[in-house]
Each structure stands twice: as structure tokens, then as C-alpha cells.
Amino acid sequence: MKENKHIENKVGLFIGSGVIAGILASVCCIGPLVLTILGVSGAAILSKFDVLRLPFMILVFALFGVAGILLYKKRNTCEIGSICADPKKFKTMVYAYWIGLVIAVIGLMSPYILAKFF
């Protein structure tokens, strides 16, 4: 039996990748602070990853943009086997999308948040 795979069923992959990219975008700023608190010396070397911050920010917005489009497009006309055909699965993916987006934005905003405290 051939399994019908819809591209919108890969929304979780985009959400997970977006969260990881959000965390990687903040490694230049949160990493040295966390490692210094843990007692690891030489943690300031992570500040050199600041040049990767902008590409990861673009990647976060692109991944969550694609995930949002795939999750919400054609909501009224659902095919069998797609995410929107099962209300419970769709609701879970919507929660995962918004929670993942909040985590990624907190990661992106971490240098500005940390500047207020330290």
C-alpha cells in the first residue's frame, strides 16, 4: 500500500529546525555567559560566532515562515492524511508552532535581554 505523504506533514521539521537555528543564533551571546557561570574558562571564544548571527536570524524567519504557510494554507480544503484533516493533530501542531516561535524569538532577542541584566 502506497503511503500518501503531504508536504504540510513536515511542518514539525521546519519548526524544530527554526528552534535550533534560534538557539544557534544566540550562541555568541548566551554561550559565554552560561559557560562562565559553569566555570569553563576560555568561553569568550564563542563571541566570535557573532558573524553567524545574521544568517541564522534569516534562517529562523525563513523556516518559521515556511512552517506557517504550510500549516495554515488551504485550511478549508483538507485532503485525507494531511495535518488539517485531523483537528487534534492540527491543534497540536499549532501549539508547537507558536511555542517554537516564542523560543526562537527569545533566543534571537537574548543579547538585548541579557544587556538589561548584566
Protein backbone atom coordinates (compact mmCIF):
# COMPACT_ATOMS: atom_id res chain seq x y z
CA MET A 1 0.00 0.00 0.00
CA LYS A 2 1.43 3.36 -1.03
CA GLU A 3 1.56 5.88 1.76
CA ASN A 4 0.33 9.35 0.83
CA LYS A 5 2.79 11.95 2.19
CA HIS A 6 1.81 15.58 2.24
CA ILE A 7 4.38 18.34 2.44
CA GLU A 8 2.37 20.03 5.18
CA ASN A 9 3.02 16.97 7.35
CA LYS A 10 6.67 18.12 7.50
CA VAL A 11 5.79 21.24 9.48
CA GLY A 12 7.37 19.72 12.60
CA LEU A 13 10.70 19.50 10.80
CA PHE A 14 10.56 23.21 9.94
CA ILE A 15 9.54 24.13 13.49
CA GLY A 16 12.34 22.07 15.05
CA SER A 17 14.90 23.48 12.63
CA GLY A 18 13.71 27.01 13.38
CA VAL A 19 14.12 26.49 17.13
CA ILE A 20 17.61 25.07 16.64
CA ALA A 21 18.55 27.99 14.37
CA GLY A 22 17.23 30.41 17.01
CA ILE A 23 19.40 28.80 19.66
CA LEU A 24 22.43 28.80 17.36
CA ALA A 25 21.86 32.48 16.62
CA SER A 26 22.26 33.21 20.32
CA VAL A 27 25.34 31.04 20.94
CA CYS A 28 27.59 34.09 20.62
CA CYS A 29 25.86 35.83 23.49
CA ILE A 30 24.34 33.24 25.81
CA GLY A 31 27.11 30.67 25.39
CA PRO A 32 29.94 32.62 27.05
CA LEU A 33 27.69 33.70 29.91
CA VAL A 34 26.43 30.19 30.65
CA LEU A 35 29.88 28.60 30.34
CA THR A 36 31.46 31.26 32.55
CA ILE A 37 28.82 30.66 35.21
CA LEU A 38 29.59 26.92 34.98
CA GLY A 39 33.29 27.66 35.50
CA VAL A 40 34.56 26.90 32.00
CA SER A 41 37.45 29.17 31.16
CA GLY A 42 38.00 30.44 27.63
CA ALA A 43 34.29 30.64 26.96
CA ALA A 44 34.70 34.08 25.39
CA ILE A 45 35.83 32.35 22.20
CA LEU A 46 32.13 31.79 21.44
CA SER A 47 31.75 35.54 20.91
CA LYS A 48 33.50 35.02 17.56
CA PHE A 49 30.31 33.38 16.32
CA ASP A 50 28.66 36.80 16.23
CA VAL A 51 29.24 36.93 12.45
CA LEU A 52 26.86 33.97 12.06
CA ARG A 53 24.08 35.73 13.95
CA LEU A 54 22.51 37.46 10.94
CA PRO A 55 22.42 34.35 8.69
CA PHE A 56 20.82 32.34 11.50
CA MET A 57 18.27 35.10 12.09
CA ILE A 58 17.32 34.99 8.41
CA LEU A 59 17.14 31.20 8.60
CA VAL A 60 14.82 31.35 11.63
CA PHE A 61 12.38 33.68 9.90
CA ALA A 62 12.50 31.66 6.67
CA LEU A 63 11.89 28.33 8.43
CA PHE A 64 9.03 29.63 10.55
CA GLY A 65 7.58 31.45 7.54
CA VAL A 66 7.51 28.23 5.51
CA ALA A 67 6.14 26.29 8.50
CA GLY A 68 3.37 28.86 8.98
CA ILE A 69 2.44 28.82 5.31
CA LEU A 70 2.35 25.02 5.22
CA LEU A 71 0.40 24.85 8.47
CA TYR A 72 -2.27 27.43 7.67
CA LYS A 73 -2.63 27.25 3.88
CA LYS A 74 -5.73 25.65 2.46
CA ARG A 75 -7.21 25.13 5.90
CA ASN A 76 -10.73 24.96 4.46
CA THR A 77 -9.94 22.31 1.84
CA CYS A 78 -8.21 19.45 3.60
CA GLU A 79 -7.09 16.26 1.91
CA ILE A 80 -7.22 12.93 3.70
CA GLY A 81 -3.99 12.29 5.56
CA SER A 82 -2.98 15.93 5.88
CA ILE A 83 -2.47 17.71 9.17
CA CYS A 84 -5.60 19.82 8.91
CA ALA A 85 -7.79 16.74 8.35
CA ASP A 86 -7.26 15.66 11.96
CA PRO A 87 -8.30 18.51 14.31
CA LYS A 88 -6.34 17.10 17.25
CA LYS A 89 -3.13 16.83 15.20
CA PHE A 90 -3.65 20.30 13.74
CA LYS A 91 -4.19 21.83 17.18
CA THR A 92 -1.01 20.15 18.46
CA MET A 93 1.00 21.47 15.51
CA VAL A 94 -0.39 24.99 16.01
CA TYR A 95 0.69 24.89 19.66
CA ALA A 96 4.11 23.54 18.66
CA TYR A 97 4.45 26.26 16.02
CA TRP A 98 3.71 29.14 18.38
CA ILE A 99 5.72 27.75 21.31
CA GLY A 100 8.66 27.10 18.97
CA LEU A 101 8.39 30.60 17.55
CA VAL A 102 8.42 32.12 21.04
CA ILE A 103 11.51 30.06 21.98
CA ALA A 104 13.29 31.10 18.78
CA VAL A 105 12.44 34.79 19.26
CA ILE A 106 13.67 34.66 22.86
CA GLY A 107 16.90 33.15 21.55
CA LEU A 108 17.20 35.90 18.95
CA MET A 109 16.47 38.62 21.47
CA SER A 110 18.79 37.18 24.14
CA PRO A 111 21.65 39.68 23.61
CA TYR A 112 19.27 42.56 24.21
CA ILE A 113 17.59 40.84 27.16
CA LEU A 114 20.93 39.97 28.75
CA ALA A 115 22.19 43.53 28.28
CA LYS A 116 19.41 44.74 30.57
CA PHE A 117 20.54 42.41 33.39
CA PHE A 118 24.34 42.48 33.09
